[in-house]
N, C-alpha and C. Protein backbone atom coordinates (compact mmCIF):
# COMPACT_ATOMS: atom_id res chain seq x y z
N SER A 1 0.85 -1.17 0.03
CA SER A 1 -0.04 0.02 0.00
C SER A 1 0.87 1.20 -0.01
N LEU A 2 0.42 2.30 -0.60
CA LEU A 2 1.18 3.56 -0.73
C LEU A 2 1.21 4.25 0.59
N ASN A 3 2.37 4.97 0.83
CA ASN A 3 2.32 5.88 2.00
C ASN A 3 1.57 7.19 1.66
N VAL A 4 1.48 7.99 2.62
CA VAL A 4 0.62 9.19 2.43
C VAL A 4 1.07 10.10 1.28
N ILE A 5 2.38 10.44 1.17
CA ILE A 5 2.78 11.30 0.19
C ILE A 5 2.64 10.64 -1.18
N ASN A 6 2.91 9.38 -1.32
CA ASN A 6 2.69 8.70 -2.64
C ASN A 6 1.22 8.58 -2.98
N ASN A 7 0.36 8.58 -1.95
CA ASN A 7 -1.11 8.57 -2.19
C ASN A 7 -1.54 9.84 -2.91
N VAL A 8 -0.91 11.01 -2.42
CA VAL A 8 -1.20 12.27 -2.97
C VAL A 8 -0.53 12.43 -4.37
N VAL A 9 0.70 11.98 -4.49
CA VAL A 9 1.40 11.99 -5.81
C VAL A 9 0.63 11.28 -6.87
N PHE A 10 0.03 10.11 -6.48
CA PHE A 10 -0.76 9.25 -7.43
C PHE A 10 -1.76 10.10 -8.21
N THR A 11 -2.45 11.02 -7.49
CA THR A 11 -3.44 11.88 -8.07
C THR A 11 -2.79 12.84 -9.06
N LEU A 12 -1.61 13.28 -8.77
CA LEU A 12 -0.87 14.29 -9.58
C LEU A 12 -0.26 13.72 -10.90
N HIS A 13 -0.21 12.41 -11.00
CA HIS A 13 0.34 11.77 -12.26
C HIS A 13 -0.37 12.15 -13.54
N LEU A 14 -1.65 12.65 -13.28
CA LEU A 14 -2.46 13.08 -14.34
C LEU A 14 -1.86 14.39 -15.11
N LEU A 15 -1.02 15.10 -14.29
CA LEU A 15 -0.41 16.31 -14.80
C LEU A 15 0.76 16.16 -15.64
N ASN A 16 1.32 14.97 -15.74
CA ASN A 16 2.52 14.61 -16.48
C ASN A 16 3.71 15.56 -16.20
N LEU A 17 3.97 15.73 -14.84
CA LEU A 17 5.12 16.54 -14.43
C LEU A 17 6.22 15.64 -14.03
N GLU A 18 7.42 16.22 -13.84
CA GLU A 18 8.54 15.50 -13.39
C GLU A 18 8.34 15.02 -11.95
N GLN A 19 8.97 13.92 -11.55
CA GLN A 19 8.71 13.38 -10.21
C GLN A 19 8.99 14.35 -9.12
N HIS A 20 10.10 15.09 -9.19
CA HIS A 20 10.45 16.00 -8.11
C HIS A 20 9.42 17.04 -7.96
N VAL A 21 8.71 17.51 -9.03
CA VAL A 21 7.79 18.56 -9.04
C VAL A 21 6.50 17.92 -8.37
N LEU A 22 6.22 16.63 -8.76
CA LEU A 22 5.02 15.95 -8.11
C LEU A 22 5.22 15.84 -6.68
N ASP A 23 6.40 15.46 -6.24
CA ASP A 23 6.70 15.33 -4.80
C ASP A 23 6.56 16.62 -4.06
N GLU A 24 7.02 17.69 -4.70
CA GLU A 24 6.94 19.02 -4.10
C GLU A 24 5.52 19.47 -3.88
N LYS A 25 4.70 19.33 -4.97
CA LYS A 25 3.28 19.70 -4.92
C LYS A 25 2.54 18.91 -3.90
N ALA A 26 2.86 17.61 -3.81
CA ALA A 26 2.21 16.80 -2.81
C ALA A 26 2.52 17.14 -1.45
N MET A 27 3.78 17.51 -1.16
CA MET A 27 4.19 17.96 0.18
C MET A 27 3.53 19.31 0.54
N GLN A 28 3.48 20.18 -0.48
CA GLN A 28 2.79 21.50 -0.27
C GLN A 28 1.30 21.22 0.11
N ALA A 29 0.63 20.30 -0.55
CA ALA A 29 -0.82 20.03 -0.27
C ALA A 29 -0.94 19.44 1.19
N LEU A 30 0.00 18.51 1.47
CA LEU A 30 0.01 17.93 2.85
C LEU A 30 0.20 19.06 3.96
N THR A 31 1.07 19.97 3.62
CA THR A 31 1.31 21.07 4.59
C THR A 31 0.11 21.93 4.75
N LEU A 32 -0.57 22.13 3.66
CA LEU A 32 -1.82 22.94 3.65
C LEU A 32 -2.89 22.39 4.56
N VAL A 33 -2.95 21.05 4.60
CA VAL A 33 -3.97 20.41 5.52
C VAL A 33 -3.39 19.87 6.92
N GLY A 34 -2.07 20.35 7.18
CA GLY A 34 -1.42 20.00 8.44
C GLY A 34 -1.10 18.61 8.50
N MET A 35 -0.80 17.91 7.38
CA MET A 35 -0.41 16.46 7.48
C MET A 35 0.96 16.19 6.98
N ASP A 36 1.80 17.17 6.76
CA ASP A 36 3.15 16.96 6.26
C ASP A 36 4.01 16.08 7.18
N LYS A 37 3.73 16.13 8.45
CA LYS A 37 4.46 15.24 9.44
C LYS A 37 4.19 13.82 9.22
N TRP A 38 3.08 13.50 8.60
CA TRP A 38 2.60 12.05 8.44
C TRP A 38 2.89 11.61 6.95
N ALA A 39 3.72 12.32 6.24
CA ALA A 39 3.91 12.02 4.84
C ALA A 39 4.36 10.61 4.54
N TYR A 40 5.13 10.03 5.47
CA TYR A 40 5.67 8.71 5.14
C TYR A 40 5.01 7.60 6.03
N TYR A 41 3.89 7.86 6.63
CA TYR A 41 3.08 6.92 7.32
C TYR A 41 2.17 6.22 6.16
N ARG A 42 1.62 5.06 6.52
CA ARG A 42 0.64 4.43 5.73
C ARG A 42 -0.70 4.97 6.13
N PRO A 43 -1.68 5.11 5.20
CA PRO A 43 -3.04 5.59 5.56
C PRO A 43 -3.72 4.77 6.66
N THR A 44 -3.36 3.48 6.71
CA THR A 44 -3.92 2.57 7.78
C THR A 44 -3.47 2.90 9.19
N GLU A 45 -2.36 3.74 9.27
CA GLU A 45 -1.82 4.09 10.54
C GLU A 45 -2.38 5.42 11.02
N LEU A 46 -3.37 5.98 10.24
CA LEU A 46 -3.92 7.22 10.55
C LEU A 46 -5.29 7.14 11.11
N SER A 47 -5.75 8.16 11.80
CA SER A 47 -7.15 8.17 12.21
C SER A 47 -8.06 8.56 11.10
N SER A 48 -9.35 8.45 11.35
CA SER A 48 -10.34 8.76 10.29
C SER A 48 -10.24 10.19 9.83
N GLY A 49 -10.08 11.08 10.85
CA GLY A 49 -9.90 12.54 10.58
C GLY A 49 -8.65 12.80 9.74
N GLN A 50 -7.53 12.18 10.07
CA GLN A 50 -6.34 12.34 9.35
C GLN A 50 -6.45 11.77 7.89
N GLN A 51 -7.16 10.66 7.73
CA GLN A 51 -7.47 10.09 6.46
C GLN A 51 -8.32 11.13 5.65
N GLN A 52 -9.28 11.71 6.21
CA GLN A 52 -10.05 12.76 5.50
C GLN A 52 -9.24 13.95 5.03
N LYS A 53 -8.29 14.26 5.89
CA LYS A 53 -7.30 15.30 5.48
C LYS A 53 -6.43 15.01 4.23
N ILE A 54 -6.10 13.63 4.21
CA ILE A 54 -5.25 13.17 3.09
C ILE A 54 -6.09 13.24 1.84
N SER A 55 -7.39 12.90 1.93
CA SER A 55 -8.30 13.01 0.81
C SER A 55 -8.30 14.42 0.31
N LEU A 56 -8.42 15.40 1.28
CA LEU A 56 -8.41 16.86 0.94
C LEU A 56 -7.15 17.23 0.29
N ALA A 57 -6.05 16.70 0.85
CA ALA A 57 -4.73 17.11 0.21
C ALA A 57 -4.63 16.64 -1.22
N ARG A 58 -5.20 15.43 -1.50
CA ARG A 58 -5.20 14.96 -2.96
C ARG A 58 -5.92 15.97 -3.78
N ALA A 59 -7.10 16.54 -3.30
CA ALA A 59 -7.80 17.44 -4.10
C ALA A 59 -7.02 18.77 -4.23
N MET A 60 -6.47 19.19 -3.13
CA MET A 60 -5.78 20.51 -3.09
C MET A 60 -4.54 20.51 -3.94
N ALA A 61 -3.96 19.33 -4.04
CA ALA A 61 -2.66 19.27 -4.87
C ALA A 61 -2.95 19.56 -6.33
N LEU A 62 -4.14 19.49 -6.74
CA LEU A 62 -4.53 19.83 -8.16
C LEU A 62 -5.02 21.31 -8.33
N ASP A 63 -4.85 22.13 -7.32
CA ASP A 63 -5.11 23.54 -7.35
C ASP A 63 -6.55 23.79 -7.83
N PRO A 64 -7.52 23.25 -7.09
CA PRO A 64 -8.93 23.37 -7.52
C PRO A 64 -9.54 24.71 -7.31
N LYS A 65 -10.52 25.08 -8.07
CA LYS A 65 -11.26 26.33 -7.80
C LYS A 65 -12.58 25.89 -7.04
N LEU A 66 -12.87 24.58 -7.02
CA LEU A 66 -14.08 24.04 -6.41
C LEU A 66 -13.75 22.75 -5.76
N ILE A 67 -14.33 22.58 -4.55
CA ILE A 67 -14.24 21.29 -3.88
C ILE A 67 -15.71 20.85 -3.57
N VAL A 68 -16.10 19.66 -3.87
CA VAL A 68 -17.36 19.14 -3.53
C VAL A 68 -17.16 18.06 -2.47
N ALA A 69 -17.71 18.28 -1.31
CA ALA A 69 -17.51 17.38 -0.14
C ALA A 69 -18.83 16.82 0.25
N ASP A 70 -19.02 15.51 0.13
CA ASP A 70 -20.25 14.78 0.45
C ASP A 70 -20.12 14.14 1.88
N GLU A 71 -20.74 14.80 2.83
CA GLU A 71 -20.69 14.22 4.20
C GLU A 71 -19.31 14.16 4.74
N PRO A 72 -18.43 15.18 4.59
CA PRO A 72 -17.05 15.04 4.88
C PRO A 72 -16.76 14.83 6.35
N THR A 73 -17.76 15.18 7.22
CA THR A 73 -17.57 15.04 8.67
C THR A 73 -18.23 13.81 9.23
N GLY A 74 -18.90 13.07 8.35
CA GLY A 74 -19.80 11.95 8.77
C GLY A 74 -19.19 10.93 9.64
N ASN A 75 -17.92 10.51 9.47
CA ASN A 75 -17.30 9.53 10.27
C ASN A 75 -16.28 10.08 11.24
N LEU A 76 -16.30 11.36 11.54
CA LEU A 76 -15.30 12.05 12.31
C LEU A 76 -15.84 12.38 13.68
N ASP A 77 -15.02 12.44 14.72
CA ASP A 77 -15.44 12.91 16.03
C ASP A 77 -15.53 14.34 15.93
N THR A 78 -16.06 14.99 17.01
CA THR A 78 -16.32 16.38 17.03
C THR A 78 -15.17 17.30 16.68
N ASN A 79 -14.02 17.00 17.36
CA ASN A 79 -12.86 17.79 17.16
C ASN A 79 -12.28 17.69 15.71
N SER A 80 -12.25 16.49 15.26
CA SER A 80 -11.80 16.28 13.86
C SER A 80 -12.70 16.96 12.78
N GLY A 81 -13.96 16.90 13.13
CA GLY A 81 -14.96 17.57 12.19
C GLY A 81 -14.73 19.07 12.16
N ARG A 82 -14.53 19.63 13.35
CA ARG A 82 -14.23 21.11 13.45
C ARG A 82 -13.03 21.46 12.76
N ASP A 83 -11.89 20.58 12.91
CA ASP A 83 -10.68 20.92 12.23
C ASP A 83 -10.83 20.86 10.72
N LEU A 84 -11.64 19.89 10.26
CA LEU A 84 -11.85 19.79 8.75
C LEU A 84 -12.58 21.00 8.30
N ILE A 85 -13.66 21.43 9.05
CA ILE A 85 -14.39 22.62 8.65
C ILE A 85 -13.55 23.90 8.65
N ASN A 86 -12.68 24.01 9.62
CA ASN A 86 -11.69 25.15 9.68
C ASN A 86 -10.74 25.07 8.52
N THR A 87 -10.35 23.90 8.03
CA THR A 87 -9.51 23.86 6.85
C THR A 87 -10.35 24.31 5.64
N PHE A 88 -11.60 23.82 5.50
CA PHE A 88 -12.44 24.33 4.47
C PHE A 88 -12.64 25.82 4.49
N LEU A 89 -12.79 26.42 5.63
CA LEU A 89 -12.96 27.84 5.78
C LEU A 89 -11.64 28.60 5.29
N SER A 90 -10.56 28.07 5.67
CA SER A 90 -9.27 28.72 5.23
C SER A 90 -9.12 28.69 3.71
N PHE A 91 -9.56 27.49 3.08
CA PHE A 91 -9.54 27.41 1.66
C PHE A 91 -10.55 28.32 1.01
N ASN A 92 -11.68 28.43 1.59
CA ASN A 92 -12.73 29.36 1.01
C ASN A 92 -12.17 30.74 1.13
N ASP A 93 -11.55 31.15 2.20
CA ASP A 93 -10.96 32.49 2.30
C ASP A 93 -9.98 32.80 1.29
N LYS A 94 -9.39 31.71 0.71
CA LYS A 94 -8.38 31.90 -0.44
C LYS A 94 -9.09 31.87 -1.76
N GLY A 95 -10.43 31.77 -1.81
CA GLY A 95 -11.14 31.85 -3.06
C GLY A 95 -11.63 30.56 -3.61
N ILE A 96 -11.40 29.47 -2.88
CA ILE A 96 -11.83 28.22 -3.34
C ILE A 96 -13.29 27.92 -2.91
N THR A 97 -14.19 27.69 -3.78
CA THR A 97 -15.59 27.40 -3.53
C THR A 97 -15.69 26.00 -2.94
N ILE A 98 -16.34 25.85 -1.80
CA ILE A 98 -16.61 24.61 -1.15
C ILE A 98 -18.14 24.37 -1.21
N ILE A 99 -18.47 23.16 -1.80
CA ILE A 99 -19.84 22.75 -1.77
C ILE A 99 -19.89 21.54 -0.82
N MET A 100 -20.55 21.73 0.26
CA MET A 100 -20.63 20.64 1.25
C MET A 100 -22.06 20.12 1.44
N VAL A 101 -22.22 18.80 1.30
CA VAL A 101 -23.50 18.18 1.66
C VAL A 101 -23.41 17.63 3.02
N THR A 102 -24.39 17.95 3.82
CA THR A 102 -24.38 17.43 5.20
C THR A 102 -25.80 17.34 5.74
N HIS A 103 -25.99 16.37 6.67
CA HIS A 103 -27.18 16.28 7.42
C HIS A 103 -27.06 16.78 8.82
N ASP A 104 -25.86 17.24 9.19
CA ASP A 104 -25.54 17.68 10.53
C ASP A 104 -25.76 19.25 10.60
N LEU A 105 -26.78 19.65 11.28
CA LEU A 105 -27.15 21.07 11.37
C LEU A 105 -26.03 21.91 12.07
N GLU A 106 -25.15 21.28 12.89
CA GLU A 106 -24.06 21.98 13.43
C GLU A 106 -23.24 22.77 12.47
N TYR A 107 -23.13 22.28 11.24
CA TYR A 107 -22.25 22.89 10.27
C TYR A 107 -22.92 24.02 9.37
N LEU A 108 -24.19 24.15 9.54
CA LEU A 108 -24.89 25.21 8.79
C LEU A 108 -24.30 26.59 9.05
N LYS A 109 -23.87 26.88 10.23
CA LYS A 109 -23.43 28.17 10.60
C LYS A 109 -22.09 28.62 9.85
N TYR A 110 -21.44 27.68 9.26
CA TYR A 110 -20.19 27.90 8.51
C TYR A 110 -20.39 28.25 7.02
N GLY A 111 -21.55 27.95 6.58
CA GLY A 111 -21.88 28.15 5.13
C GLY A 111 -22.12 29.65 4.77
N ASN A 112 -21.80 29.99 3.58
CA ASN A 112 -22.24 31.30 3.06
C ASN A 112 -23.71 31.23 2.51
N ARG A 113 -23.96 30.17 1.98
CA ARG A 113 -25.36 30.00 1.39
C ARG A 113 -25.79 28.51 1.85
N ILE A 114 -27.03 28.46 2.23
CA ILE A 114 -27.68 27.23 2.73
C ILE A 114 -28.77 26.87 1.78
N ILE A 115 -28.66 25.69 1.20
CA ILE A 115 -29.66 25.13 0.32
C ILE A 115 -30.25 23.91 0.93
N HIS A 116 -31.54 23.95 1.34
CA HIS A 116 -32.20 22.83 1.93
C HIS A 116 -32.98 22.08 0.80
N MET A 117 -32.64 20.75 0.86
CA MET A 117 -33.24 19.86 -0.20
C MET A 117 -34.00 18.74 0.48
N ILE A 118 -35.07 18.39 -0.15
CA ILE A 118 -35.86 17.19 0.27
C ILE A 118 -36.15 16.33 -0.93
N ASP A 119 -35.77 15.09 -0.93
CA ASP A 119 -35.92 14.18 -2.08
C ASP A 119 -35.45 14.76 -3.38
N GLY A 120 -34.27 15.38 -3.31
CA GLY A 120 -33.60 15.91 -4.55
C GLY A 120 -34.19 17.24 -5.04
N GLU A 121 -35.19 17.77 -4.26
CA GLU A 121 -35.77 19.10 -4.72
C GLU A 121 -35.30 20.20 -3.72
N VAL A 122 -34.90 21.33 -4.29
CA VAL A 122 -34.60 22.51 -3.46
C VAL A 122 -35.88 23.04 -2.85
N VAL A 123 -36.01 23.08 -1.61
CA VAL A 123 -37.19 23.64 -0.94
C VAL A 123 -36.94 25.03 -0.30
N GLU A 124 -35.62 25.33 -0.09
CA GLU A 124 -35.30 26.66 0.52
C GLU A 124 -33.90 26.96 0.16
N GLU A 125 -33.61 28.27 -0.01
CA GLU A 125 -32.27 28.71 -0.20
C GLU A 125 -32.11 30.01 0.54
N LYS A 126 -31.11 30.11 1.40
CA LYS A 126 -30.89 31.28 2.20
C LYS A 126 -29.41 31.62 2.23
N VAL A 127 -29.21 32.95 2.49
CA VAL A 127 -27.78 33.40 2.69
C VAL A 127 -27.56 33.58 4.15
N SER A 128 -26.52 33.07 4.70
CA SER A 128 -26.24 33.11 6.14
C SER A 128 -25.59 34.42 6.49
N GLU A 129 -25.44 34.62 7.76
CA GLU A 129 -24.76 35.81 8.33
C GLU A 129 -23.35 35.82 7.68
N ARG A 130 -22.63 34.70 7.67
CA ARG A 130 -21.29 34.65 7.06
C ARG A 130 -21.38 35.01 5.59
N GLY A 131 -22.41 34.57 4.95
CA GLY A 131 -22.65 34.82 3.50
C GLY A 131 -22.95 36.28 3.25
N LYS A 132 -23.66 36.86 4.17
CA LYS A 132 -23.95 38.30 4.01
C LYS A 132 -22.65 39.07 4.09
N ARG A 133 -21.85 38.70 5.06
CA ARG A 133 -20.59 39.46 5.21
C ARG A 133 -19.69 39.32 4.04
N PHE A 134 -19.69 38.04 3.50
CA PHE A 134 -18.83 37.71 2.28
C PHE A 134 -19.40 38.56 1.14
N SER A 135 -20.69 38.48 0.86
CA SER A 135 -21.25 39.08 -0.35
C SER A 135 -21.25 40.55 -0.16
N ALA A 136 -21.35 41.11 1.04
CA ALA A 136 -21.27 42.56 1.24
C ALA A 136 -19.86 43.07 0.89
N GLY A 137 -18.88 42.19 1.09
CA GLY A 137 -17.51 42.60 0.78
C GLY A 137 -17.29 42.65 -0.71
N ILE A 138 -18.11 41.89 -1.47
CA ILE A 138 -17.96 41.82 -2.98
C ILE A 138 -18.73 42.96 -3.62
N ASP A 139 -19.99 43.14 -3.28
CA ASP A 139 -20.78 44.13 -3.98
C ASP A 139 -21.63 45.16 -3.07
N GLY A 140 -21.36 45.03 -1.75
CA GLY A 140 -22.12 45.85 -0.85
C GLY A 140 -23.59 45.75 -0.76
N LYS A 141 -24.08 44.71 -1.42
CA LYS A 141 -25.58 44.55 -1.43
C LYS A 141 -26.01 43.33 -0.55
N LYS A 142 -27.23 43.40 -0.12
CA LYS A 142 -27.77 42.33 0.59
C LYS A 142 -29.09 41.90 -0.03
N THR A 143 -29.43 40.66 0.13
CA THR A 143 -30.64 40.16 -0.47
C THR A 143 -31.82 40.07 0.57
N ASP A 144 -33.04 40.17 0.08
CA ASP A 144 -34.19 40.09 0.93
C ASP A 144 -34.35 38.68 1.54
N LYS A 145 -33.53 37.71 1.10
CA LYS A 145 -33.62 36.39 1.59
C LYS A 145 -32.70 36.21 2.83
N ASP A 146 -31.95 37.24 3.19
CA ASP A 146 -31.02 37.05 4.32
C ASP A 146 -31.69 36.81 5.63
N ILE A 147 -31.15 35.90 6.37
CA ILE A 147 -31.56 35.64 7.66
C ILE A 147 -30.42 35.37 8.61
N SER A 148 -30.64 35.42 9.91
CA SER A 148 -29.55 35.15 10.89
C SER A 148 -29.47 33.59 11.03
N MET A 149 -28.22 33.03 10.84
CA MET A 149 -28.03 31.60 10.94
C MET A 149 -27.15 31.29 12.16
N ASP A 150 -26.39 32.20 12.73
CA ASP A 150 -25.35 31.84 13.61
C ASP A 150 -25.77 31.27 14.94
N SER A 151 -26.89 31.61 15.49
CA SER A 151 -27.18 31.11 16.82
C SER A 151 -28.32 30.08 16.81
N ASN A 152 -28.82 29.68 15.75
CA ASN A 152 -29.94 28.78 15.64
C ASN A 152 -29.65 27.38 15.20
N VAL A 153 -28.40 27.02 15.10
CA VAL A 153 -28.08 25.72 14.49
C VAL A 153 -28.34 24.59 15.37
N HIS A 154 -28.56 24.78 16.72
CA HIS A 154 -28.87 23.63 17.59
C HIS A 154 -30.39 23.59 17.81
N ASP A 155 -31.19 24.37 17.27
CA ASP A 155 -32.59 24.42 17.42
C ASP A 155 -33.23 23.31 16.64
N ARG A 156 -33.99 22.45 17.29
CA ARG A 156 -34.70 21.31 16.50
C ARG A 156 -35.60 21.85 15.43
N ASP A 157 -36.24 22.99 15.66
CA ASP A 157 -37.20 23.51 14.71
C ASP A 157 -36.54 24.47 13.71
N PHE A 158 -35.23 24.43 13.65
CA PHE A 158 -34.41 25.37 12.88
C PHE A 158 -34.88 25.35 11.42
N LEU A 159 -34.99 24.16 10.81
CA LEU A 159 -35.29 24.13 9.37
C LEU A 159 -36.63 24.71 9.08
N SER A 160 -37.59 24.38 10.00
CA SER A 160 -38.90 24.95 9.73
C SER A 160 -38.87 26.51 9.95
N LYS A 161 -38.13 27.00 10.94
CA LYS A 161 -37.92 28.47 11.12
C LYS A 161 -37.19 28.99 9.85
N LEU A 162 -36.21 28.28 9.39
CA LEU A 162 -35.50 28.72 8.13
C LEU A 162 -36.47 28.92 6.99
N LYS A 163 -37.35 27.94 6.86
CA LYS A 163 -38.30 27.98 5.73
C LYS A 163 -39.30 29.18 5.97
N GLN A 164 -39.67 29.45 7.23
CA GLN A 164 -40.58 30.61 7.47
C GLN A 164 -39.79 31.95 7.42
N GLY A 165 -38.49 31.90 7.47
CA GLY A 165 -37.72 33.20 7.41
C GLY A 165 -37.56 33.81 8.75
N ASN A 166 -37.76 33.12 9.81
CA ASN A 166 -37.70 33.63 11.18
C ASN A 166 -36.29 33.31 11.75
N LYS A 167 -35.95 34.10 12.82
CA LYS A 167 -34.73 33.85 13.54
C LYS A 167 -34.87 32.74 14.44
């Protein structure tokens, strides 16, 4: 089985670059996600959270403009989930769009835009407080769909309140 750095390099072979360039890009990606110290470990020697970060490093090594993450915190403990979200936020601050699918309401507060879907249909779309700050920085405008998202994420009735447009 491949060690961590070779796992990331494997993804980069699509770029047809020289090996030393591949190794350098892989190590940069591992450093971005805080996993450079584990470059020569085998993935089976890592925790679930660390393995998720390696997956993210594989994506980041390709310099993406967009990352799609389907339930990225699903198998993680609370601290590892927060670490992963903080990594996503730092990438987003660098201009990388993150699309995250989650059933965990805890993570709604981190999104710029929240899209609620049921059975594949969009039933609601809102811009969060974070999203309002982000979009205000771009064009200074706010939308009439804006609502406060930051304190309501633990509320059982949150999604129904979201649909009604209440705090």
